[in-house]
Protein backbone atom coordinates (compact mmCIF):
# COMPACT_ATOMS: atom_id res chain seq x y z
CA MET A 1 80.98 67.33 106.08
CA SER A 2 78.92 67.04 109.24
CA LEU A 3 78.26 70.19 111.17
CA SER A 4 77.49 70.80 114.80
CA ARG A 5 75.71 73.79 116.24
CA VAL A 6 77.52 76.24 118.48
CA GLY A 7 75.58 78.45 120.84
CA GLY A 8 72.50 78.10 122.95
CA VAL A 9 68.95 77.14 122.15
CA GLY A 10 67.35 79.74 119.93
CA ASP A 11 70.75 81.08 118.83
CA PRO A 12 69.71 83.83 116.38
CA MET A 13 73.05 83.66 114.55
CA GLY A 14 72.66 79.99 113.65
CA VAL A 15 76.43 79.54 113.99
CA THR A 16 77.75 76.16 112.89
CA GLN A 17 81.21 74.66 112.73
CA PRO A 18 82.74 71.41 111.50
CA ARG A 19 83.03 68.65 114.11
CA THR A 20 86.55 67.76 112.96
CA LEU A 21 88.85 70.76 113.09
CA ALA A 22 92.25 71.16 111.45
CA VAL A 23 94.03 71.61 114.77
CA SER A 24 93.16 71.76 118.45
CA THR A 25 93.56 74.73 120.75
CA ARG A 26 95.95 72.57 122.77
CA GLU A 27 98.17 72.08 119.69
CA LEU A 28 98.12 75.81 118.88
CA ASP A 29 99.14 76.58 122.47
CA ALA A 30 101.97 74.01 122.24
CA MET A 31 103.17 75.55 118.97
CA GLN A 32 103.17 79.00 120.57
CA ARG A 33 105.18 77.68 123.54
CA ASP A 34 107.72 76.03 121.20
CA TYR A 35 108.00 79.21 119.13
CA ASN A 36 108.45 81.43 122.18
CA ALA A 37 111.06 78.98 123.56
CA HIS A 38 112.83 79.20 120.16
CA HIS A 39 112.60 75.48 119.40
CA ALA A 40 112.89 75.88 115.62
CA ASP A 41 113.06 72.11 115.12
CA ARG A 42 109.82 71.51 117.06
CA VAL A 43 107.97 74.25 115.19
CA ALA A 44 109.30 73.03 111.83
CA ALA A 45 108.26 69.45 112.65
CA ARG A 46 104.64 70.61 112.52
CA PHE A 47 105.05 71.33 108.79
CA ALA A 48 104.73 68.69 106.07
CA GLU A 49 107.96 67.79 104.28
CA HIS A 50 106.99 69.82 101.18
CA ALA A 51 105.11 72.63 102.94
CA THR A 52 105.32 76.21 101.73
CA TRP A 53 105.64 79.44 103.72
CA SER A 54 105.17 83.04 102.60
CA ASP A 55 105.63 86.33 104.42
CA PRO A 56 106.65 89.88 103.48
CA PHE A 57 110.38 89.25 104.02
CA VAL A 58 111.04 85.78 102.59
CA SER A 59 108.41 85.85 99.84
CA ARG A 60 108.26 82.03 99.66
CA LEU A 61 109.98 79.11 101.35
CA ASP A 62 109.65 75.56 100.06
CA GLY A 63 109.95 72.63 102.43
CA ARG A 64 110.16 71.90 106.13
CA LYS A 65 113.97 72.21 106.11
CA ALA A 66 113.93 75.76 104.67
CA ILE A 67 111.21 76.78 107.12
CA GLY A 68 113.21 75.43 110.08
CA GLU A 69 116.44 77.09 108.92
CA THR A 70 114.66 80.42 108.54
CA LEU A 71 113.12 80.13 112.00
CA GLN A 72 116.54 79.36 113.48
CA ALA A 73 118.04 82.41 111.74
CA LEU A 74 115.25 84.59 113.14
CA PHE A 75 115.79 83.25 116.66
CA VAL A 76 119.53 84.06 116.44
CA ALA A 77 118.86 87.59 115.19
CA PHE A 78 115.97 88.22 117.60
CA PRO A 79 116.85 86.23 120.74
CA ASP A 80 113.89 87.59 122.71
CA MET A 81 111.29 87.19 119.93
CA GLN A 82 107.87 86.33 121.35
CA TYR A 83 104.31 86.28 120.14
CA ARG A 84 100.97 86.11 121.89
CA LEU A 85 97.84 84.82 120.21
CA THR A 86 95.01 87.31 120.48
CA SER A 87 92.39 85.48 118.41
CA THR A 88 91.97 82.20 116.56
CA LEU A 89 89.56 80.78 114.02
CA VAL A 90 89.85 77.11 113.10
CA THR A 91 87.93 75.26 110.37
CA ALA A 92 88.23 71.73 109.00
CA ASP A 93 91.49 72.50 107.17
CA THR A 94 92.61 76.00 108.16
CA ALA A 95 93.67 77.95 111.23
CA VAL A 96 93.72 81.76 111.22
CA LEU A 97 95.73 83.22 114.08
CA LEU A 98 95.91 86.88 115.04
CA TYR A 99 98.87 87.75 117.22
CA GLU A 100 100.98 90.47 118.82
CA GLY A 101 104.76 90.13 118.58
CA SER A 102 107.85 91.75 120.02
CA ALA A 103 111.57 91.29 119.37
CA SER A 104 114.92 93.04 119.75
CA PHE A 105 117.40 92.83 116.86
CA ARG A 106 120.48 91.73 118.84
CA GLY A 107 122.14 89.07 116.67
CA PRO A 108 123.26 88.86 113.04
CA LEU A 109 120.45 88.16 110.59
CA ASP A 110 121.52 85.69 107.91
CA MET A 111 118.51 84.33 106.07
CA PRO A 112 118.36 82.50 102.75
CA GLY A 113 117.89 84.84 99.80
CA MET A 114 118.79 87.97 101.78
CA PRO A 115 122.14 89.68 102.35
CA PRO A 116 123.34 89.39 105.99
CA VAL A 117 122.32 92.27 108.24
CA ALA A 118 124.23 93.38 111.36
CA PRO A 119 122.22 93.77 114.58
CA THR A 120 120.98 97.21 115.59
CA GLY A 121 119.82 96.52 119.15
CA LYS A 122 116.47 98.11 118.31
CA LYS A 123 113.16 96.68 119.51
CA ALA A 124 110.08 96.15 117.36
CA THR A 125 106.48 95.43 118.26
CA TRP A 126 103.85 94.48 115.73
CA ARG A 127 100.52 92.79 115.08
CA GLY A 128 100.03 90.17 112.46
CA ALA A 129 98.00 87.29 111.14
CA LEU A 130 98.94 83.72 110.28
CA VAL A 131 96.90 81.53 107.95
CA LEU A 132 97.86 77.87 108.27
CA ARG A 133 96.40 75.22 105.97
CA TYR A 134 96.44 71.66 107.33
CA GLN A 135 96.35 68.27 105.68
CA GLY A 136 96.80 64.98 107.49
CA GLY A 137 97.51 66.77 110.77
CA GLN A 138 100.44 68.78 109.38
CA ILE A 139 100.76 72.31 108.05
CA VAL A 140 101.04 72.21 104.25
CA ALA A 141 100.97 75.97 103.65
CA GLY A 142 101.55 79.02 105.82
CA LEU A 143 101.02 82.67 105.06
CA GLU A 144 101.97 85.47 107.44
CA ALA A 145 100.84 89.06 107.03
CA PHE A 146 102.04 92.08 109.01
CA ASP A 147 103.18 95.63 108.36
CA ALA A 148 106.70 94.73 107.22
CA GLU A 149 107.75 98.33 106.53
CA ASP A 150 106.85 99.37 110.07
CA PHE A 151 108.64 96.32 111.52
CA ALA A 152 111.75 97.07 109.41
CA ARG A 153 111.82 100.72 110.51
CA GLN A 154 111.48 99.83 114.18
CA ALA A 155 114.15 97.10 114.06
CA GLY A 156 116.52 99.01 111.78
CA LEU A 157 116.28 96.47 108.96
CA PRO A 158 116.36 97.18 105.23
CA LEU A 159 112.85 97.42 103.82
CA PRO A 160 111.47 94.18 102.39
CA PRO A 161 111.19 93.80 98.61
CA ALA A 162 108.12 95.41 97.08
């Protein structure tokens, strides 16, 4: 892997990064716009056909279709759900995204593997991290971490499985 230097002449940190990155800032911005506009199909299209997704509520999803269906269910339940990237780190095959999110639980939540939950009207705000692994320009694995118990309490949801 070829490396290029980042920083000025005499950079005491000696910071280097790969020349070819997993994803561009432009693509991450486009994904954020599609997510915030609730285009589940456009967000899901960024995932490989057999991609996996894990987070505190769904444990594990297998495949682009399941990921898209779960996103659509979230957008119905939380019609004002938004996130804002606060920091990114991209390497040759991975993007790590720190974000702040907000959402109001105003629609029914009916996600695979979970009993349906009626809306509470409550608003939640949270901070989280996404780790996205890329291969061939598509996401092959995603992992999201956030304080799920705090989110559940704020939104009035049942606590996620331990």
